[in-house]
Amino acid sequence: RKRVNIGMELVADPTVLFLDEPTSGLDSVGALKVVSRLSHFAKEGNLTIAMVIHQPRYDVFKIFDDVILLQRGGGIVFQGSPAAAEEYFNTLARELEYDPRPPTTNPADFYLDLISHHNEEARRLEKRGFESKRATQMATLWRQRQQDWEEDRRQRRDPDEPDPDRAFDPDFETFQPVVLPSLLVQYWILLRRMGLLMIRSVRTLLLDQFLALLAGSVLGALFSEVSLERVYTVNVMSGLAIGLTGMLAALRAFGTTEIRPVFWREAAAGVNRVAYFLAVNTAHIPIIIVTPLVYLSLFYSFTAPRTSFSAYYLIVLMTYWCTYGLGYLLSTIFHPSNAKMAAVVVGLIASTLTGSNPTLCKLQGYTFIGPAAYSLSYSRWYGEAVFEKEALGYPEVFYSRVQLLAGRNDYSLDNFSMCMGMLFLFGVLARIAAFVCLVLTHRGKQR
């Protein structure tokens, strides 16, 4: 698990990586492999890695470029290379008249034992009033001799060895800024990744299709061979089913606890957020195309509408396009634990504004609020499109009956293109709003 977490961070190509005990829980061989690979990435990838580690084996300790040893309470006891640490503590042990490090003892363990033992002894001597090196804390000894020690090391440094004081100089010749590919290249890479993720989550996708099939079959069985008078009722239930199956499936695009941290991490690393958002939307297009076919496979057969299958498919397709956009928007606004409830509430409100009860004519009496509410309901446009195609399928002998039912919601029966355009427009606007919310929320985590 630790190695997977480290790998997820490295995929984002960071410039600085902080790790808290990355080797805890691993055996000595596993710890050596992890630190060795991190050292390789640091040198080859222009990456600075800072980690906290306890009791490393000597092979691990030697890999570090620089180490900082702390005493209890956080005081710095030493800062420098592992080789310099060995020289410093061997010298310090002689000055403080401690036994030298046994040949079979891990140097890192020796340093920690020396720090702990000396500080305990120093506290006892200090209480007794002694003033000597033995009565001085390790952190104080380091502060007293740090400048002289570093100057002495610098004078004895090999001319070919990089100067540690220039390690973080942005003008240093080894510094190479990260150059990210163009928006189109990032889009293609992210699209391929999203495709692989969707293939790996094929069980979840199949479950989504099964739920759409189940919703269509149950509604079709309940409203078999629907008459024109019952079209309004069917539209309410069908609009609710399409809305819920679409929005709940779309919530996984940006609303899961696994996806959001990935986006924040990649945005902070400089990945183009437009490319990321477009890649997610593009990856869902095949699902949006297939789901209406699954939903209508039994629903259309059971209800036996007068509308052609191609026209009904276009209506359901545009409705799924719209509801997927609403799902994206809800996933960026609400916390994952609340997004599903929000999707259910939006679906219920939209379905009540389809035009069955209350009718659209009745809603027009609620000043500007009623017309504005049902005009923003995807289910209202879905219902009018279905009713129009269904009504036009009746012969002229039923003309007066058709006009009477259409008048309940002031349908003109020549507004199909407008209904399709509104559903498509709502889907586009919902996606734009979702992108804006995705960028503007949690901005601190995207830097």
Protein backbone atom coordinates (compact mmCIF):
# COMPACT_ATOMS: atom_id res chain seq x y z
CA ARG A 1 0.00 0.00 0.00
CA LYS A 2 2.82 2.43 0.86
CA ARG A 3 4.56 1.73 -2.43
CA VAL A 4 1.30 2.27 -4.32
CA ASN A 5 0.75 5.62 -2.58
CA ILE A 6 4.29 6.69 -3.43
CA GLY A 7 3.76 5.63 -7.03
CA MET A 8 0.55 7.66 -7.25
CA GLU A 9 2.44 10.74 -6.11
CA LEU A 10 5.30 10.14 -8.55
CA VAL A 11 2.88 9.81 -11.48
CA ALA A 12 1.95 13.47 -10.96
CA ASP A 13 5.61 14.36 -11.64
CA PRO A 14 6.10 16.61 -8.57
CA THR A 15 9.16 18.79 -8.01
CA VAL A 16 9.13 18.25 -4.24
CA LEU A 17 7.93 15.13 -2.43
CA PHE A 18 7.47 14.83 1.35
CA LEU A 19 7.24 11.32 2.81
CA ASP A 20 6.40 10.35 6.37
CA GLU A 21 8.05 7.04 7.30
CA PRO A 22 7.75 5.43 3.85
CA THR A 23 9.61 2.30 5.03
CA SER A 24 7.68 1.58 8.23
CA GLY A 25 6.05 -1.83 8.08
CA LEU A 26 8.52 -3.06 5.44
CA ASP A 27 11.33 -5.52 6.00
CA SER A 28 14.93 -4.41 5.51
CA VAL A 29 15.04 -5.64 1.91
CA GLY A 30 11.81 -3.86 1.01
CA ALA A 31 12.97 -0.67 2.71
CA LEU A 32 16.22 -0.75 0.76
CA LYS A 33 14.36 -1.18 -2.53
CA VAL A 34 12.00 1.71 -1.80
CA VAL A 35 14.76 4.13 -0.80
CA SER A 36 16.96 3.05 -3.73
CA ARG A 37 14.17 3.71 -6.23
CA LEU A 38 13.38 7.05 -4.63
CA SER A 39 17.06 8.01 -4.89
CA HIS A 40 16.99 7.07 -8.56
CA PHE A 41 13.90 9.19 -9.20
CA ALA A 42 15.43 12.12 -7.32
CA LYS A 43 18.60 12.07 -9.43
CA GLU A 44 17.02 11.30 -12.79
CA GLY A 45 13.81 13.29 -12.45
CA ASN A 46 15.05 16.59 -11.03
CA LEU A 47 13.06 15.81 -7.87
CA THR A 48 13.69 16.85 -4.27
CA ILE A 49 12.57 14.25 -1.72
CA ALA A 50 12.37 14.87 2.02
CA MET A 51 11.42 11.98 4.29
CA VAL A 52 11.17 11.06 7.95
CA ILE A 53 12.67 7.67 8.73
CA HIS A 54 13.45 5.73 11.92
CA GLN A 55 16.35 3.33 12.49
CA PRO A 56 17.44 2.80 8.89
CA ARG A 57 19.87 0.00 8.08
CA TYR A 58 23.31 1.22 7.05
CA ASP A 59 22.77 0.45 3.35
CA VAL A 60 19.71 2.69 3.44
CA PHE A 61 21.45 5.40 5.45
CA LYS A 62 24.28 5.66 2.89
CA ILE A 63 21.85 6.34 0.05
CA PHE A 64 20.72 9.69 1.43
CA ASP A 65 22.37 12.82 0.05
CA ASP A 66 21.81 14.74 3.28
CA VAL A 67 20.52 13.77 6.70
CA ILE A 68 19.17 15.76 9.63
CA LEU A 69 19.33 14.08 13.03
CA LEU A 70 16.99 15.36 15.72
CA GLN A 71 17.02 14.94 19.46
CA ARG A 72 13.93 14.63 21.64
CA GLY A 73 12.05 17.92 21.43
CA GLY A 74 13.06 18.64 17.82
CA GLY A 75 16.52 20.19 18.25
CA ILE A 76 18.90 19.61 15.33
CA VAL A 77 21.88 17.48 16.34
CA PHE A 78 23.49 17.16 12.94
CA GLN A 79 22.90 18.20 9.34
CA GLY A 80 25.03 16.99 6.47
CA SER A 81 25.93 13.98 4.36
CA PRO A 82 26.05 10.42 5.81
CA ALA A 83 29.83 10.38 5.40
CA ALA A 84 30.11 13.68 7.27
CA ALA A 85 27.83 12.29 10.00
CA GLU A 86 30.20 9.38 10.60
CA GLU A 87 33.18 11.71 10.85
CA TYR A 88 31.34 14.15 13.12
CA PHE A 89 30.03 11.59 15.61
CA ASN A 90 33.31 9.65 15.76
CA THR A 91 35.08 12.93 16.60
CA LEU A 92 32.40 13.88 19.08
CA ALA A 93 32.56 10.48 20.78
CA ARG A 94 36.33 10.90 21.34
CA GLU A 95 35.92 14.44 22.67
CA LEU A 96 33.16 13.39 25.06
CA GLU A 97 35.17 10.32 26.09
CA TYR A 98 32.59 7.76 24.94
CA ASP A 99 33.45 4.34 23.62
CA PRO A 100 33.95 4.29 19.84
CA ARG A 101 31.40 2.59 17.60
CA PRO A 102 31.82 -1.19 17.61
CA PRO A 103 32.59 -2.50 14.10
CA THR A 104 29.43 -4.63 14.06
CA THR A 105 27.06 -1.82 15.12
CA ASN A 106 24.91 0.00 12.57
CA PRO A 107 26.26 3.59 12.39
CA ALA A 108 22.73 5.03 12.37
CA ASP A 109 21.89 3.12 15.56
CA PHE A 110 25.17 4.27 17.11
CA TYR A 111 24.38 7.92 16.40
CA LEU A 112 20.89 7.64 17.92
CA ASP A 113 22.18 5.77 20.96
CA LEU A 114 24.93 8.35 21.44
CA ILE A 115 22.44 11.23 21.20
CA SER A 116 19.98 9.63 23.62
CA HIS A 117 22.62 8.50 26.15
CA HIS A 118 24.52 11.79 26.11
CA ASN A 119 21.41 13.96 26.52
CA GLU A 120 20.22 11.92 29.49
CA GLU A 121 23.65 12.22 31.12
CA ALA A 122 23.81 15.93 30.27
CA ARG A 123 20.49 16.53 32.02
CA ARG A 124 21.74 14.77 35.17
CA LEU A 125 25.02 16.72 35.22
CA GLU A 126 23.28 20.00 34.49
CA LYS A 127 21.02 19.51 37.50
CA ARG A 128 24.13 19.03 39.65
CA GLY A 129 25.61 22.32 38.42
CA PHE A 130 28.36 20.93 36.16
CA GLU A 131 29.44 23.08 33.19
CA SER A 132 31.26 21.02 30.58
CA LYS A 133 30.72 19.33 27.21
CA ARG A 134 29.33 16.31 29.04
CA ALA A 135 26.70 18.58 30.58
CA THR A 136 25.73 20.21 27.26
CA GLN A 137 22.86 18.99 25.08
CA MET A 138 23.75 17.62 21.63
CA ALA A 139 21.73 20.31 19.83
CA THR A 140 23.70 23.00 21.68
CA LEU A 141 27.01 21.36 20.77
CA TRP A 142 25.98 21.31 17.11
CA ARG A 143 25.01 25.00 17.13
CA GLN A 144 28.34 25.88 18.71
CA ARG A 145 30.46 24.09 16.14
CA GLN A 146 28.21 23.97 13.05
CA GLN A 147 29.81 26.90 11.24
CA ASP A 148 33.39 25.77 11.90
CA TRP A 149 32.49 22.18 10.99
CA GLU A 150 30.85 23.12 7.68
CA GLU A 151 33.72 25.46 6.77
CA ASP A 152 36.25 22.73 7.47
CA ARG A 153 34.26 20.26 5.35
CA ARG A 154 34.02 22.80 2.53
CA GLN A 155 37.77 23.33 2.47
CA ARG A 156 38.40 19.59 2.33
CA ARG A 157 35.70 19.01 -0.30
CA ASP A 158 36.68 17.48 -3.64
CA PRO A 159 36.57 20.22 -6.33
CA ASP A 160 34.51 17.92 -8.56
CA GLU A 161 31.89 17.38 -5.86
CA PRO A 162 28.77 19.63 -6.15
CA ASP A 163 28.62 22.43 -3.63
CA PRO A 164 25.75 21.63 -1.21
CA ASP A 165 25.10 25.35 -0.71
CA ARG A 166 24.09 25.60 -4.36
CA ALA A 167 21.80 22.58 -4.34
CA PHE A 168 18.65 24.71 -4.30
CA ASP A 169 19.91 27.59 -6.46
CA PRO A 170 17.46 27.97 -9.39
CA ASP A 171 20.34 29.26 -11.56
CA PHE A 172 22.43 26.16 -10.90
CA GLU A 173 23.31 24.48 -14.18
CA THR A 174 21.67 21.16 -13.29
CA PHE A 175 18.25 22.75 -12.76
CA GLN A 176 15.83 21.80 -15.52
CA PRO A 177 12.27 23.16 -15.34
CA VAL A 178 9.50 20.68 -16.02
CA VAL A 179 8.09 21.10 -19.53
CA LEU A 180 4.60 19.69 -19.95
CA PRO A 181 3.23 18.60 -23.34
CA SER A 182 0.62 20.60 -25.25
CA LEU A 183 -3.08 20.60 -24.41
CA LEU A 184 -3.89 18.14 -27.21
CA VAL A 185 -1.16 15.72 -26.16
CA GLN A 186 -2.29 15.88 -22.53
CA TYR A 187 -5.88 15.37 -23.65
CA TRP A 188 -4.94 12.25 -25.62
CA ILE A 189 -2.89 10.81 -22.74
CA LEU A 190 -5.65 11.49 -20.21
CA LEU A 191 -8.29 10.09 -22.56
CA ARG A 192 -6.35 6.84 -22.91
CA ARG A 193 -6.00 6.64 -19.14
CA MET A 194 -9.72 7.23 -18.64
CA GLY A 195 -10.44 4.48 -21.16
CA LEU A 196 -8.26 2.05 -19.22
CA LEU A 197 -9.93 3.04 -15.94
CA MET A 198 -13.34 2.42 -17.44
CA ILE A 199 -12.27 -0.97 -18.77
CA ARG A 200 -11.04 -1.89 -15.29
CA SER A 201 -14.35 -0.78 -13.78
CA VAL A 202 -16.39 -2.77 -16.31
CA ARG A 203 -18.45 -4.40 -13.53
CA THR A 204 -19.67 -1.02 -12.35
CA LEU A 205 -20.50 0.04 -15.91
CA LEU A 206 -22.42 -3.17 -16.53
CA LEU A 207 -24.34 -2.59 -13.30
CA ASP A 208 -25.29 0.88 -14.55
CA GLN A 209 -26.62 -0.64 -17.77
CA PHE A 210 -28.51 -3.30 -15.85
CA LEU A 211 -30.21 -0.63 -13.74
CA ALA A 212 -31.19 1.28 -16.87
CA LEU A 213 -32.55 -1.95 -18.38
CA LEU A 214 -34.42 -2.74 -15.18
CA ALA A 215 -35.96 0.74 -14.98
CA GLY A 216 -37.09 0.59 -18.61
CA SER A 217 -38.51 -2.91 -18.32
CA VAL A 218 -40.44 -2.19 -15.10
CA LEU A 219 -41.92 1.04 -16.46
CA GLY A 220 -42.73 -0.68 -19.74
CA ALA A 221 -44.49 -3.52 -17.94
CA LEU A 222 -46.49 -1.11 -15.78
CA PHE A 223 -47.53 1.14 -18.69
CA SER A 224 -47.90 -1.33 -21.54
CA GLU A 225 -49.63 -0.01 -24.69
CA VAL A 226 -49.94 3.53 -23.38
CA SER A 227 -52.81 5.67 -24.63
CA LEU A 228 -52.31 9.37 -25.31
CA GLU A 229 -54.09 10.27 -22.06
CA ARG A 230 -51.51 8.33 -20.04
CA VAL A 231 -48.47 9.71 -21.87
CA TYR A 232 -48.13 12.49 -19.28
CA THR A 233 -47.95 10.00 -16.42
CA VAL A 234 -45.45 7.81 -18.28
CA ASN A 235 -43.31 10.86 -19.05
CA VAL A 236 -43.09 11.76 -15.37
CA MET A 237 -41.89 8.30 -14.38
CA SER A 238 -39.66 7.87 -17.40
CA GLY A 239 -38.07 11.28 -16.91
CA LEU A 240 -37.36 10.41 -13.28
CA ALA A 241 -35.83 7.04 -14.23
CA ILE A 242 -33.62 8.55 -16.92
CA GLY A 243 -32.58 11.39 -14.65
CA LEU A 244 -31.60 9.17 -11.73
CA THR A 245 -29.74 6.56 -13.79
CA GLY A 246 -27.91 9.31 -15.67
CA MET A 247 -27.00 11.60 -12.79
CA LEU A 248 -26.02 8.84 -10.36
CA ALA A 249 -23.72 7.26 -12.95
CA ALA A 250 -22.15 10.64 -13.77
CA LEU A 251 -21.36 11.38 -10.11
CA ARG A 252 -18.37 9.03 -10.32
CA ALA A 253 -16.68 11.28 -12.87
CA PHE A 254 -15.47 13.87 -10.35
CA GLY A 255 -17.26 13.06 -7.10
CA THR A 256 -15.53 10.02 -5.62
CA THR A 257 -12.98 10.20 -2.83
CA GLU A 258 -10.47 8.47 -5.14
CA ILE A 259 -10.87 10.72 -8.19
CA ARG A 260 -10.81 14.13 -6.50
CA PRO A 261 -7.34 13.78 -4.89
CA VAL A 262 -5.95 12.61 -8.24
CA PHE A 263 -7.29 15.72 -9.95
CA TRP A 264 -5.97 18.02 -7.21
CA ARG A 265 -2.54 16.39 -7.33
CA GLU A 266 -2.29 16.57 -11.12
CA ALA A 267 -3.58 20.13 -11.25
CA ALA A 268 -0.93 21.11 -8.69
CA ALA A 269 1.70 19.42 -10.88
CA GLY A 270 0.67 21.58 -13.85
CA VAL A 271 -1.61 19.21 -15.76
CA ASN A 272 -4.02 21.17 -17.93
CA ARG A 273 -7.42 21.15 -16.24
CA VAL A 274 -9.28 21.73 -19.51
CA ALA A 275 -7.62 18.64 -21.00
CA TYR A 276 -8.52 16.62 -17.92
CA PHE A 277 -12.17 17.71 -17.97
CA LEU A 278 -12.56 17.14 -21.71
CA ALA A 279 -10.96 13.69 -21.44
CA VAL A 280 -13.44 12.62 -18.75
CA ASN A 281 -16.38 13.90 -20.81
CA THR A 282 -15.17 12.23 -23.99
CA ALA A 283 -14.65 8.91 -22.23
CA HIS A 284 -18.31 8.92 -21.14
CA ILE A 285 -19.74 9.62 -24.60
CA PRO A 286 -19.89 5.92 -25.61
CA ILE A 287 -21.83 5.19 -22.42
CA ILE A 288 -24.25 8.06 -23.12
CA ILE A 289 -24.82 6.61 -26.60
CA VAL A 290 -25.35 3.02 -25.45
CA THR A 291 -27.50 3.62 -22.35
CA PRO A 292 -30.60 4.88 -24.28
CA LEU A 293 -30.51 1.72 -26.39
CA VAL A 294 -30.44 -0.40 -23.23
CA TYR A 295 -33.23 1.60 -21.60
CA LEU A 296 -35.48 1.45 -24.67
CA SER A 297 -34.79 -2.19 -25.52
CA LEU A 298 -37.71 -3.38 -23.36
CA PHE A 299 -39.46 -0.10 -22.56
CA TYR A 300 -40.23 0.57 -26.24
CA SER A 301 -41.46 -2.96 -26.84
CA PHE A 302 -43.79 -2.98 -23.82
CA THR A 303 -45.30 0.50 -24.22
CA ALA A 304 -45.71 0.14 -28.02
CA PRO A 305 -45.65 3.91 -28.72
CA ARG A 306 -46.63 5.44 -32.04
CA THR A 307 -43.32 7.28 -32.08
CA SER A 308 -40.62 5.76 -34.27
CA PHE A 309 -37.74 4.09 -32.44
CA SER A 310 -35.19 6.49 -33.94
CA ALA A 311 -37.13 9.54 -32.72
CA TYR A 312 -37.60 8.03 -29.25
CA TYR A 313 -33.90 7.16 -29.14
CA LEU A 314 -32.94 10.74 -30.02
CA ILE A 315 -35.17 12.08 -27.23
CA VAL A 316 -33.73 9.72 -24.61
CA LEU A 317 -30.18 10.33 -25.89
CA MET A 318 -30.50 14.10 -25.47
CA THR A 319 -32.03 13.60 -22.03
CA TYR A 320 -29.11 11.40 -20.94
CA TRP A 321 -26.71 14.00 -22.37
CA CYS A 322 -28.38 16.61 -20.18
CA THR A 323 -28.59 14.48 -17.01
CA TYR A 324 -24.95 13.41 -17.28
CA GLY A 325 -24.01 17.08 -17.36
CA LEU A 326 -26.12 17.71 -14.27
CA GLY A 327 -24.38 14.76 -12.59
CA TYR A 328 -20.97 16.30 -13.35
CA LEU A 329 -22.14 19.58 -11.86
CA LEU A 330 -23.48 17.98 -8.69
CA SER A 331 -20.29 15.96 -8.25
CA THR A 332 -18.21 19.15 -8.24
CA ILE A 333 -20.51 21.10 -5.91
CA PHE A 334 -21.38 18.56 -3.23
CA HIS A 335 -19.28 16.30 -1.07
CA PRO A 336 -19.36 12.68 -2.29
CA SER A 337 -21.45 11.67 0.73
CA ASN A 338 -24.15 14.25 -0.18
CA ALA A 339 -24.01 14.21 -3.98
CA LYS A 340 -26.26 11.15 -4.39
CA MET A 341 -28.97 12.68 -2.25
CA ALA A 342 -28.68 15.91 -4.24
CA ALA A 343 -29.10 13.95 -7.49
CA VAL A 344 -32.26 12.29 -6.17
CA VAL A 345 -33.73 15.64 -5.10
CA VAL A 346 -32.95 17.26 -8.47
CA GLY A 347 -34.51 14.30 -10.29
CA LEU A 348 -37.68 14.46 -8.20
CA ILE A 349 -38.10 18.21 -8.65
CA ALA A 350 -37.52 17.98 -12.40
CA SER A 351 -40.02 15.14 -12.79
CA THR A 352 -42.78 17.06 -10.95
CA LEU A 353 -42.35 19.86 -13.51
CA THR A 354 -42.92 17.57 -16.51
CA GLY A 355 -46.46 18.87 -17.07
CA SER A 356 -48.65 16.13 -15.66
CA ASN A 357 -49.80 17.55 -12.33
CA PRO A 358 -49.49 20.47 -11.99
CA THR A 359 -49.80 21.28 -15.68
CA LEU A 360 -47.58 23.89 -17.31
CA CYS A 361 -50.59 26.16 -17.80
CA LYS A 362 -51.26 26.06 -14.06
CA LEU A 363 -47.60 26.78 -13.30
CA GLN A 364 -47.76 29.85 -15.55
CA GLY A 365 -50.03 31.42 -12.95
CA TYR A 366 -47.22 31.51 -10.37
CA THR A 367 -45.83 34.86 -11.65
CA PHE A 368 -42.38 34.39 -13.19
CA ILE A 369 -41.34 31.62 -10.78
CA GLY A 370 -43.52 28.92 -12.34
CA PRO A 371 -42.43 29.42 -15.97
CA ALA A 372 -38.81 29.80 -14.93
CA ALA A 373 -38.94 26.60 -12.88
CA TYR A 374 -40.41 24.36 -15.56
CA SER A 375 -38.28 25.94 -18.28
CA LEU A 376 -35.18 24.82 -16.39
CA SER A 377 -36.50 21.27 -15.97
CA TYR A 378 -34.97 18.75 -18.37
CA SER A 379 -38.02 16.53 -17.78
CA ARG A 380 -40.36 19.25 -19.10
CA TRP A 381 -38.57 19.30 -22.49
CA TYR A 382 -38.34 15.52 -22.54
CA GLY A 383 -42.08 15.25 -21.85
CA GLU A 384 -43.07 17.71 -24.57
CA ALA A 385 -40.87 16.00 -27.16
CA VAL A 386 -42.35 12.57 -26.38
CA PHE A 387 -45.92 13.90 -26.36
CA GLU A 388 -45.45 15.71 -29.67
CA LYS A 389 -44.08 12.66 -31.48
CA GLU A 390 -46.74 10.44 -29.93
CA ALA A 391 -49.59 12.83 -30.81
CA LEU A 392 -48.46 13.22 -34.42
CA GLY A 393 -48.69 9.46 -34.77
CA TYR A 394 -52.48 9.54 -34.39
CA PRO A 395 -54.72 9.86 -37.48
CA GLU A 396 -56.62 13.06 -38.20
CA VAL A 397 -59.81 11.62 -36.80
CA PHE A 398 -58.32 12.06 -33.35
CA TYR A 399 -57.34 15.68 -34.05
CA SER A 400 -59.74 17.29 -31.56
CA ARG A 401 -58.73 14.86 -28.85
CA VAL A 402 -55.04 15.50 -29.49
CA GLN A 403 -55.53 19.28 -29.38
CA LEU A 404 -57.46 19.03 -26.12
CA LEU A 405 -54.69 17.06 -24.42
CA ALA A 406 -51.97 19.27 -25.89
CA GLY A 407 -53.77 22.36 -24.61
CA ARG A 408 -53.27 21.23 -21.00
CA ASN A 409 -49.64 22.30 -21.33
CA ASP A 410 -50.01 24.69 -24.24
CA TYR A 411 -48.06 22.38 -26.58
CA SER A 412 -47.93 23.55 -30.20
CA LEU A 413 -46.93 20.12 -31.63
CA ASP A 414 -44.24 21.72 -33.81
CA ASN A 415 -41.63 22.33 -31.13
CA PHE A 416 -39.57 19.13 -31.35
CA SER A 417 -36.38 20.84 -32.55
CA MET A 418 -36.68 23.38 -29.74
CA CYS A 419 -36.99 20.59 -27.17
CA MET A 420 -33.91 18.81 -28.49
CA GLY A 421 -31.98 22.07 -28.62
CA MET A 422 -32.87 22.93 -25.03
CA LEU A 423 -31.79 19.51 -23.74
CA PHE A 424 -28.50 19.78 -25.60
CA LEU A 425 -27.97 23.37 -24.40
CA PHE A 426 -28.67 22.42 -20.78
CA GLY A 427 -26.12 19.61 -21.08
CA VAL A 428 -23.48 22.02 -22.40
CA LEU A 429 -24.20 24.70 -19.79
CA ALA A 430 -24.14 22.11 -16.99
CA ARG A 431 -20.71 20.93 -18.17
CA ILE A 432 -19.38 24.49 -18.31
CA ALA A 433 -20.67 25.14 -14.80
CA ALA A 434 -19.17 21.84 -13.62
CA PHE A 435 -15.77 22.83 -15.00
CA VAL A 436 -15.94 26.24 -13.32
CA CYS A 437 -16.85 24.63 -9.99
CA LEU A 438 -14.13 22.02 -10.42
CA VAL A 439 -11.51 24.74 -10.89
CA LEU A 440 -12.76 27.21 -8.29
CA THR A 441 -13.44 24.76 -5.43
CA HIS A 442 -10.51 23.51 -3.32
CA ARG A 443 -8.13 25.87 -5.11
CA GLY A 444 -5.55 25.52 -2.38
CA LYS A 445 -5.20 21.81 -3.20
CA GLN A 446 -4.62 22.56 -6.89
CA ARG A 447 -1.49 24.67 -6.32
